[in-house]
Protein backbone atom coordinates (compact mmCIF):
# COMPACT_ATOMS: atom_id res chain seq x y z
CA MET A 1 0.00 0.00 0.00
CA SER A 2 2.98 2.31 0.51
CA VAL A 3 4.06 2.01 -3.14
CA PRO A 4 1.11 4.01 -4.60
CA VAL A 5 1.65 6.67 -1.94
CA ILE A 6 5.29 7.03 -2.97
CA VAL A 7 4.34 7.29 -6.64
CA GLY A 8 1.76 9.97 -5.82
CA MET A 9 4.33 11.91 -3.81
CA VAL A 10 6.91 11.76 -6.60
CA VAL A 11 4.36 12.74 -9.25
CA SER A 12 3.30 15.78 -7.23
CA PRO A 13 5.15 18.97 -8.27
CA PRO A 14 8.24 19.85 -6.18
CA GLY A 15 8.43 22.94 -4.00
CA THR A 16 5.10 22.18 -2.35
CA ALA A 17 4.57 22.14 1.41
CA ARG A 18 3.44 18.52 1.11
CA ASN A 19 6.50 17.59 -0.93
CA ALA A 20 8.88 19.28 1.53
CA GLY A 21 7.54 17.19 4.40
CA GLY A 22 6.84 14.25 2.12
CA GLU A 23 10.42 13.78 0.91
CA ALA A 24 11.39 12.45 4.34
CA ARG A 25 8.50 9.98 4.16
CA ILE A 26 9.44 9.01 0.60
CA THR A 27 13.03 8.26 1.63
CA SER A 28 11.99 6.18 4.63
CA ALA A 29 9.20 4.51 2.66
CA ARG A 30 11.57 3.57 -0.18
CA ALA A 31 14.03 2.13 2.34
CA GLU A 32 11.24 0.03 3.83
CA VAL A 33 10.10 -1.19 0.40
CA ILE A 34 13.68 -2.11 -0.54
CA ARG A 35 14.06 -4.01 2.72
CA LEU A 36 10.80 -5.87 2.15
CA ARG A 37 11.71 -6.77 -1.45
CA SER A 38 15.24 -7.86 -0.56
């Protein structure tokens, strides 16, 4: 379920308040996804 959220965050235009706070979530979320896949 975290994958679609990441995609939505990345697709959203940069420089937004959501993106600023979302980048941290994206990084941590990607790390979690990588751990789960590997």
